[in-house]
Amino acid sequence: EPNLGSIFIGLILGLALGTIPIHIPGMESPI
């Protein structure tokens, strides 16, 4: 029985992680 709950929780956390701006010194726009 696949554990679908953990997959969708992890997917939410992954998409949230992907939206976090990362500021690199010397670059005015974050990645």
Full PDB file with SEQRES, HELIX, SHEET, SSBOND, CRYST1, ORIGX, SCALE, CONECT and MASTER records, all heavy atoms in Angstrom:
SEQRES   1 A   31  GLU PRO ASN LEU GLY SER ILE PHE ILE GLY LEU ILE LEU          
SEQRES   2 A   31  GLY LEU ALA LEU GLY THR ILE PRO ILE HIS ILE PRO GLY          
SEQRES   3 A   31  MET GLU SER PRO ILE                                          
HELIX    1 AA1 LEU A    4  THR A   19  1                                  16    
CRYST1    1.000    1.000    1.000  90.00  90.00  90.00 P 1           1          
ORIGX1      1.000000  0.000000  0.000000        0.00000                         
ORIGX2      0.000000  1.000000  0.000000        0.00000                         
ORIGX3      0.000000  0.000000  1.000000        0.00000                         
SCALE1      1.000000  0.000000  0.000000        0.00000                         
SCALE2      0.000000  1.000000  0.000000        0.00000                         
SCALE3      0.000000  0.000000  1.000000        0.00000                         
ATOM      1  N   GLU A   1       0.851  -1.190   0.000  1.00  0.00           N  
ATOM      2  CA  GLU A   1       0.000   0.000   0.000  1.00  0.00           C  
ATOM      3  C   GLU A   1       0.890   1.244   0.000  1.00  0.00           C  
ATOM      4  O   GLU A   1       1.574   1.523   0.976  1.00  0.00           O  
ATOM      5  CB  GLU A   1      -0.900   0.005   1.231  1.00  0.00           C  
ATOM      6  CG  GLU A   1      -1.840  -1.183   1.312  1.00  0.00           C  
ATOM      7  CD  GLU A   1      -2.667  -1.188   2.580  1.00  0.00           C  
ATOM      8  OE1 GLU A   1      -2.548  -0.201   3.347  1.00  0.00           O  
ATOM      9  OE2 GLU A   1      -3.407  -2.157   2.802  1.00  0.00           O  
ATOM     10  N   PRO A   2       0.931   1.995  -1.118  1.00  0.00           N  
ATOM     11  CA  PRO A   2       1.815   3.172  -1.188  1.00  0.00           C  
ATOM     12  C   PRO A   2       1.429   4.233  -0.181  1.00  0.00           C  
ATOM     13  O   PRO A   2       0.241   4.476   0.065  1.00  0.00           O  
ATOM     14  CB  PRO A   2       1.630   3.676  -2.631  1.00  0.00           C  
ATOM     15  CG  PRO A   2       0.302   3.137  -3.052  1.00  0.00           C  
ATOM     16  CD  PRO A   2       0.134   1.822  -2.344  1.00  0.00           C  
ATOM     17  N   ASN A   3       2.424   4.843   0.410  1.00  0.00           N  
ATOM     18  CA  ASN A   3       2.193   5.874   1.428  1.00  0.00           C  
ATOM     19  C   ASN A   3       2.040   7.230   0.736  1.00  0.00           C  
ATOM     20  O   ASN A   3       2.962   8.040   0.683  1.00  0.00           O  
ATOM     21  CB  ASN A   3       3.371   5.882   2.408  1.00  0.00           C  
ATOM     22  CG  ASN A   3       3.063   6.677   3.657  1.00  0.00           C  
ATOM     23  OD1 ASN A   3       1.972   7.232   3.798  1.00  0.00           O  
ATOM     24  ND2 ASN A   3       4.004   6.736   4.556  1.00  0.00           N  
ATOM     25  N   LEU A   4       0.852   7.500   0.204  1.00  0.00           N  
ATOM     26  CA  LEU A   4       0.625   8.705  -0.596  1.00  0.00           C  
ATOM     27  C   LEU A   4       0.695   9.970   0.243  1.00  0.00           C  
ATOM     28  O   LEU A   4       1.085  11.031  -0.264  1.00  0.00           O  
ATOM     29  CB  LEU A   4      -0.739   8.618  -1.295  1.00  0.00           C  
ATOM     30  CG  LEU A   4      -0.870   7.549  -2.386  1.00  0.00           C  
ATOM     31  CD1 LEU A   4      -2.278   7.548  -2.943  1.00  0.00           C  
ATOM     32  CD2 LEU A   4       0.133   7.794  -3.503  1.00  0.00           C  
ATOM     33  N   GLY A   5       0.336   9.875   1.520  1.00  0.00           N  
ATOM     34  CA  GLY A   5       0.350  11.068   2.361  1.00  0.00           C  
ATOM     35  C   GLY A   5       1.721  11.695   2.439  1.00  0.00           C  
ATOM     36  O   GLY A   5       1.876  12.919   2.295  1.00  0.00           O  
ATOM     37  N   SER A   6       2.762  10.865   2.628  1.00  0.00           N  
ATOM     38  CA  SER A   6       4.125  11.396   2.735  1.00  0.00           C  
ATOM     39  C   SER A   6       4.586  12.004   1.420  1.00  0.00           C  
ATOM     40  O   SER A   6       5.373  12.953   1.408  1.00  0.00           O  
ATOM     41  CB  SER A   6       5.090  10.293   3.173  1.00  0.00           C  
ATOM     42  OG  SER A   6       5.199   9.293   2.166  1.00  0.00           O  
ATOM     43  N   ILE A   7       4.088  11.464   0.310  1.00  0.00           N  
ATOM     44  CA  ILE A   7       4.489  11.993  -1.001  1.00  0.00           C  
ATOM     45  C   ILE A   7       3.965  13.412  -1.188  1.00  0.00           C  
ATOM     46  O   ILE A   7       4.703  14.320  -1.608  1.00  0.00           O  
ATOM     47  CB  ILE A   7       3.990  11.061  -2.124  1.00  0.00           C  
ATOM     48  CG1 ILE A   7       4.755   9.729  -2.075  1.00  0.00           C  
ATOM     49  CG2 ILE A   7       4.151  11.724  -3.494  1.00  0.00           C  
ATOM     50  CD1 ILE A   7       4.236   8.704  -3.032  1.00  0.00           C  
ATOM     51  N   PHE A   8       2.696  13.633  -0.864  1.00  0.00           N  
ATOM     52  CA  PHE A   8       2.132  14.963  -1.092  1.00  0.00           C  
ATOM     53  C   PHE A   8       2.620  15.973  -0.063  1.00  0.00           C  
ATOM     54  O   PHE A   8       2.784  17.157  -0.382  1.00  0.00           O  
ATOM     55  CB  PHE A   8       0.607  14.873  -1.115  1.00  0.00           C  
ATOM     56  CG  PHE A   8       0.068  14.288  -2.385  1.00  0.00           C  
ATOM     57  CD1 PHE A   8      -0.347  12.971  -2.433  1.00  0.00           C  
ATOM     58  CD2 PHE A   8       0.034  15.032  -3.545  1.00  0.00           C  
ATOM     59  CE1 PHE A   8      -0.815  12.415  -3.610  1.00  0.00           C  
ATOM     60  CE2 PHE A   8      -0.433  14.499  -4.734  1.00  0.00           C  
ATOM     61  CZ  PHE A   8      -0.861  13.173  -4.768  1.00  0.00           C  
ATOM     62  N   ILE A   9       2.874  15.520   1.161  1.00  0.00           N  
ATOM     63  CA  ILE A   9       3.473  16.430   2.139  1.00  0.00           C  
ATOM     64  C   ILE A   9       4.862  16.853   1.677  1.00  0.00           C  
ATOM     65  O   ILE A   9       5.232  18.035   1.723  1.00  0.00           O  
ATOM     66  CB  ILE A   9       3.529  15.759   3.525  1.00  0.00           C  
ATOM     67  CG1 ILE A   9       2.129  15.600   4.094  1.00  0.00           C  
ATOM     68  CG2 ILE A   9       4.387  16.596   4.487  1.00  0.00           C  
ATOM     69  CD1 ILE A   9       2.076  14.814   5.389  1.00  0.00           C  
ATOM     70  N   GLY A  10       5.641  15.875   1.221  1.00  0.00           N  
ATOM     71  CA  GLY A  10       6.984  16.185   0.732  1.00  0.00           C  
ATOM     72  C   GLY A  10       6.958  17.072  -0.495  1.00  0.00           C  
ATOM     73  O   GLY A  10       7.813  17.950  -0.663  1.00  0.00           O  
ATOM     74  N   LEU A  11       5.967  16.856  -1.361  1.00  0.00           N  
ATOM     75  CA  LEU A  11       5.844  17.689  -2.565  1.00  0.00           C  
ATOM     76  C   LEU A  11       5.560  19.139  -2.192  1.00  0.00           C  
ATOM     77  O   LEU A  11       6.117  20.068  -2.785  1.00  0.00           O  
ATOM     78  CB  LEU A  11       4.743  17.134  -3.461  1.00  0.00           C  
ATOM     79  CG  LEU A  11       4.545  17.801  -4.822  1.00  0.00           C  
ATOM     80  CD1 LEU A  11       5.825  17.753  -5.639  1.00  0.00           C  
ATOM     81  CD2 LEU A  11       3.408  17.121  -5.583  1.00  0.00           C  
ATOM     82  N   ILE A  12       4.697  19.349  -1.195  1.00  0.00           N  
ATOM     83  CA  ILE A  12       4.406  20.715  -0.718  1.00  0.00           C  
ATOM     84  C   ILE A  12       5.689  21.369  -0.201  1.00  0.00           C  
ATOM     85  O   ILE A  12       6.010  22.515  -0.544  1.00  0.00           O  
ATOM     86  CB  ILE A  12       3.341  20.680   0.397  1.00  0.00           C  
ATOM     87  CG1 ILE A  12       1.991  20.253  -0.172  1.00  0.00           C  
ATOM     88  CG2 ILE A  12       3.216  22.056   1.062  1.00  0.00           C  
ATOM     89  CD1 ILE A  12       0.938  19.999   0.889  1.00  0.00           C  
ATOM     90  N   LEU A  13       6.426  20.627   0.629  1.00  0.00           N  
ATOM     91  CA  LEU A  13       7.669  21.172   1.187  1.00  0.00           C  
ATOM     92  C   LEU A  13       8.692  21.446   0.090  1.00  0.00           C  
ATOM     93  O   LEU A  13       9.417  22.451   0.146  1.00  0.00           O  
ATOM     94  CB  LEU A  13       8.245  20.188   2.209  1.00  0.00           C  
ATOM     95  CG  LEU A  13       7.389  19.923   3.463  1.00  0.00           C  
ATOM     96  CD1 LEU A  13       8.021  18.844   4.326  1.00  0.00           C  
ATOM     97  CD2 LEU A  13       7.206  21.204   4.265  1.00  0.00           C  
ATOM     98  N   GLY A  14       8.753  20.570  -0.920  1.00  0.00           N  
ATOM     99  CA  GLY A  14       9.701  20.770  -2.013  1.00  0.00           C  
ATOM    100  C   GLY A  14       9.388  21.993  -2.839  1.00  0.00           C  
ATOM    101  O   GLY A  14      10.282  22.772  -3.197  1.00  0.00           O  
ATOM    102  N   LEU A  15       8.114  22.196  -3.164  1.00  0.00           N  
ATOM    103  CA  LEU A  15       7.724  23.381  -3.932  1.00  0.00           C  
ATOM    104  C   LEU A  15       7.962  24.653  -3.124  1.00  0.00           C  
ATOM    105  O   LEU A  15       8.371  25.684  -3.675  1.00  0.00           O  
ATOM    106  CB  LEU A  15       6.256  23.275  -4.343  1.00  0.00           C  
ATOM    107  CG  LEU A  15       5.937  22.186  -5.373  1.00  0.00           C  
ATOM    108  CD1 LEU A  15       4.440  22.038  -5.551  1.00  0.00           C  
ATOM    109  CD2 LEU A  15       6.605  22.489  -6.715  1.00  0.00           C  
ATOM    110  N   ALA A  16       7.707  24.579  -1.799  1.00  0.00           N  
ATOM    111  CA  ALA A  16       7.989  25.734  -0.942  1.00  0.00           C  
ATOM    112  C   ALA A  16       9.481  26.034  -0.925  1.00  0.00           C  
ATOM    113  O   ALA A  16       9.902  27.204  -0.996  1.00  0.00           O  
ATOM    114  CB  ALA A  16       7.481  25.476   0.481  1.00  0.00           C  
ATOM    115  N   LEU A  17      10.300  24.985  -0.854  1.00  0.00           N  
ATOM    116  CA  LEU A  17      11.755  25.173  -0.888  1.00  0.00           C  
ATOM    117  C   LEU A  17      12.191  25.817  -2.199  1.00  0.00           C  
ATOM    118  O   LEU A  17      13.088  26.673  -2.219  1.00  0.00           O  
ATOM    119  CB  LEU A  17      12.452  23.821  -0.700  1.00  0.00           C  
ATOM    120  CG  LEU A  17      13.981  23.806  -0.767  1.00  0.00           C  
ATOM    121  CD1 LEU A  17      14.577  24.625   0.371  1.00  0.00           C  
ATOM    122  CD2 LEU A  17      14.509  22.365  -0.716  1.00  0.00           C  
ATOM    123  N   GLY A  18      11.550  25.435  -3.285  1.00  0.00           N  
ATOM    124  CA  GLY A  18      11.921  25.983  -4.592  1.00  0.00           C  
ATOM    125  C   GLY A  18      11.614  27.450  -4.761  1.00  0.00           C  
ATOM    126  O   GLY A  18      12.164  28.104  -5.649  1.00  0.00           O  
ATOM    127  N   THR A  19      10.723  28.000  -3.917  1.00  0.00           N  
ATOM    128  CA  THR A  19      10.359  29.424  -4.045  1.00  0.00           C  
ATOM    129  C   THR A  19      11.207  30.333  -3.156  1.00  0.00           C  
ATOM    130  O   THR A  19      11.094  31.557  -3.246  1.00  0.00           O  
ATOM    131  CB  THR A  19       8.882  29.636  -3.674  1.00  0.00           C  
ATOM    132  OG1 THR A  19       8.673  29.232  -2.305  1.00  0.00           O  
ATOM    133  CG2 THR A  19       7.971  28.821  -4.573  1.00  0.00           C  
ATOM    134  N   ILE A  20      12.041  29.755  -2.286  1.00  0.00           N  
ATOM    135  CA  ILE A  20      12.854  30.576  -1.377  1.00  0.00           C  
ATOM    136  C   ILE A  20      13.931  31.322  -2.179  1.00  0.00           C  
ATOM    137  O   ILE A  20      14.716  30.700  -2.897  1.00  0.00           O  
ATOM    138  CB  ILE A  20      13.522  29.691  -0.302  1.00  0.00           C  
ATOM    139  CG1 ILE A  20      12.457  29.034   0.576  1.00  0.00           C  
ATOM    140  CG2 ILE A  20      14.483  30.520   0.553  1.00  0.00           C  
ATOM    141  CD1 ILE A  20      13.021  28.061   1.590  1.00  0.00           C  
ATOM    142  N   PRO A  21      13.993  32.654  -2.083  1.00  0.00           N  
ATOM    143  CA  PRO A  21      15.028  33.404  -2.816  1.00  0.00           C  
ATOM    144  C   PRO A  21      16.400  33.206  -2.176  1.00  0.00           C  
ATOM    145  O   PRO A  21      16.550  33.247  -0.959  1.00  0.00           O  
ATOM    146  CB  PRO A  21      14.564  34.861  -2.696  1.00  0.00           C  
ATOM    147  CG  PRO A  21      13.728  34.885  -1.454  1.00  0.00           C  
ATOM    148  CD  PRO A  21      13.079  33.549  -1.342  1.00  0.00           C  
ATOM    149  N   ILE A  22      17.379  32.964  -3.012  1.00  0.00           N  
ATOM    150  CA  ILE A  22      18.761  32.778  -2.552  1.00  0.00           C  
ATOM    151  C   ILE A  22      19.584  33.946  -3.089  1.00  0.00           C  
ATOM    152  O   ILE A  22      19.714  34.118  -4.307  1.00  0.00           O  
ATOM    153  CB  ILE A  22      19.339  31.442  -3.052  1.00  0.00           C  
ATOM    154  CG1 ILE A  22      18.467  30.274  -2.554  1.00  0.00           C  
ATOM    155  CG2 ILE A  22      20.778  31.263  -2.577  1.00  0.00           C  
ATOM    156  CD1 ILE A  22      18.874  28.928  -3.129  1.00  0.00           C  
ATOM    157  N   HIS A  23      20.121  34.747  -2.196  1.00  0.00           N  
ATOM    158  CA  HIS A  23      20.862  35.941  -2.589  1.00  0.00           C  
ATOM    159  C   HIS A  23      22.349  35.600  -2.730  1.00  0.00           C  
ATOM    160  O   HIS A  23      22.978  35.092  -1.803  1.00  0.00           O  
ATOM    161  CB  HIS A  23      20.670  37.050  -1.565  1.00  0.00           C  
ATOM    162  CG  HIS A  23      19.254  37.541  -1.471  1.00  0.00           C  
ATOM    163  ND1 HIS A  23      18.758  38.536  -2.288  1.00  0.00           N  
ATOM    164  CD2 HIS A  23      18.222  37.162  -0.662  1.00  0.00           C  
ATOM    165  CE1 HIS A  23      17.481  38.749  -1.992  1.00  0.00           C  
ATOM    166  NE2 HIS A  23      17.141  37.928  -1.015  1.00  0.00           N  
ATOM    167  N   ILE A  24      22.861  35.882  -3.903  1.00  0.00           N  
ATOM    168  CA  ILE A  24      24.279  35.647  -4.203  1.00  0.00           C  
ATOM    169  C   ILE A  24      25.001  36.994  -4.180  1.00  0.00           C  
ATOM    170  O   ILE A  24      24.549  37.943  -4.834  1.00  0.00           O  
ATOM    171  CB  ILE A  24      24.466  34.975  -5.579  1.00  0.00           C  
ATOM    172  CG1 ILE A  24      23.643  33.675  -5.654  1.00  0.00           C  
ATOM    173  CG2 ILE A  24      25.931  34.693  -5.858  1.00  0.00           C  
ATOM    174  CD1 ILE A  24      24.068  32.611  -4.678  1.00  0.00           C  
ATOM    175  N   PRO A  25      26.103  37.125  -3.437  1.00  0.00           N  
ATOM    176  CA  PRO A  25      26.845  38.397  -3.426  1.00  0.00           C  
ATOM    177  C   PRO A  25      27.232  38.830  -4.841  1.00  0.00           C  
ATOM    178  O   PRO A  25      27.718  38.031  -5.635  1.00  0.00           O  
ATOM    179  CB  PRO A  25      28.088  38.061  -2.595  1.00  0.00           C  
ATOM    180  CG  PRO A  25      27.668  36.922  -1.717  1.00  0.00           C  
ATOM    181  CD  PRO A  25      26.713  36.118  -2.540  1.00  0.00           C  
ATOM    182  N   GLY A  26      26.991  40.106  -5.137  1.00  0.00           N  
ATOM    183  CA  GLY A  26      27.316  40.646  -6.454  1.00  0.00           C  
ATOM    184  C   GLY A  26      26.157  40.596  -7.423  1.00  0.00           C  
ATOM    185  O   GLY A  26      26.238  41.150  -8.513  1.00  0.00           O  
ATOM    186  N   MET A  27      25.072  39.903  -7.059  1.00  0.00           N  
ATOM    187  CA  MET A  27      23.895  39.817  -7.917  1.00  0.00           C  
ATOM    188  C   MET A  27      22.715  40.469  -7.204  1.00  0.00           C  
ATOM    189  O   MET A  27      22.391  40.094  -6.082  1.00  0.00           O  
ATOM    190  CB  MET A  27      23.558  38.361  -8.251  1.00  0.00           C  
ATOM    191  CG  MET A  27      24.589  37.656  -9.098  1.00  0.00           C  
ATOM    192  SD  MET A  27      24.004  36.023  -9.604  1.00  0.00           S  
ATOM    193  CE  MET A  27      25.436  35.462 -10.516  1.00  0.00           C  
ATOM    194  N   GLU A  28      22.082  41.423  -7.869  1.00  0.00           N  
ATOM    195  CA  GLU A  28      20.972  42.124  -7.247  1.00  0.00           C  
ATOM    196  C   GLU A  28      19.685  41.301  -7.274  1.00  0.00           C  
ATOM    197  O   GLU A  28      18.822  41.459  -6.423  1.00  0.00           O  
ATOM    198  CB  GLU A  28      20.754  43.460  -7.952  1.00  0.00           C  
ATOM    199  CG  GLU A  28      21.959  44.398  -7.818  1.00  0.00           C  
ATOM    200  CD  GLU A  28      21.637  45.786  -8.321  1.00  0.00           C  
ATOM    201  OE1 GLU A  28      20.445  46.111  -8.398  1.00  0.00           O  
ATOM    202  OE2 GLU A  28      22.578  46.538  -8.627  1.00  0.00           O  
ATOM    203  N   SER A  29      19.562  40.397  -8.250  1.00  0.00           N  
ATOM    204  CA  SER A  29      18.364  39.559  -8.330  1.00  0.00           C  
ATOM    205  C   SER A  29      18.650  38.202  -7.698  1.00  0.00           C  
ATOM    206  O   SER A  29      19.634  37.543  -8.057  1.00  0.00           O  
ATOM    207  CB  SER A  29      17.953  39.357  -9.798  1.00  0.00           C  
ATOM    208  OG  SER A  29      17.659  40.603 -10.398  1.00  0.00           O  
ATOM    209  N   PRO A  30      17.821  37.748  -6.757  1.00  0.00           N  
ATOM    210  CA  PRO A  30      18.035  36.436  -6.139  1.00  0.00           C  
ATOM    211  C   PRO A  30      17.691  35.317  -7.108  1.00  0.00           C  
ATOM    212  O   PRO A  30      16.958  35.517  -8.085  1.00  0.00           O  
ATOM    213  CB  PRO A  30      17.072  36.451  -4.951  1.00  0.00           C  
ATOM    214  CG  PRO A  30      15.968  37.359  -5.382  1.00  0.00           C  
ATOM    215  CD  PRO A  30      16.627  38.430  -6.220  1.00  0.00           C  
ATOM    216  N   ILE A  31      18.224  34.148  -6.850  1.00  0.00           N  
ATOM    217  CA  ILE A  31      17.883  32.971  -7.655  1.00  0.00           C  
ATOM    218  C   ILE A  31      17.056  32.026  -6.800  1.00  0.00           C  
ATOM    219  O   ILE A  31      17.057  32.100  -5.577  1.00  0.00           O  
ATOM    220  CB  ILE A  31      19.141  32.264  -8.188  1.00  0.00           C  
ATOM    221  CG1 ILE A  31      19.973  31.715  -7.022  1.00  0.00           C  
ATOM    222  CG2 ILE A  31      19.974  33.198  -9.043  1.00  0.00           C  
ATOM    223  CD1 ILE A  31      21.122  30.846  -7.492  1.00  0.00           C  
TER     224      ILE A  31                                                      
MASTER        0    0    0    1    0    0    0    6  223    1    0    3          
END                                                                             
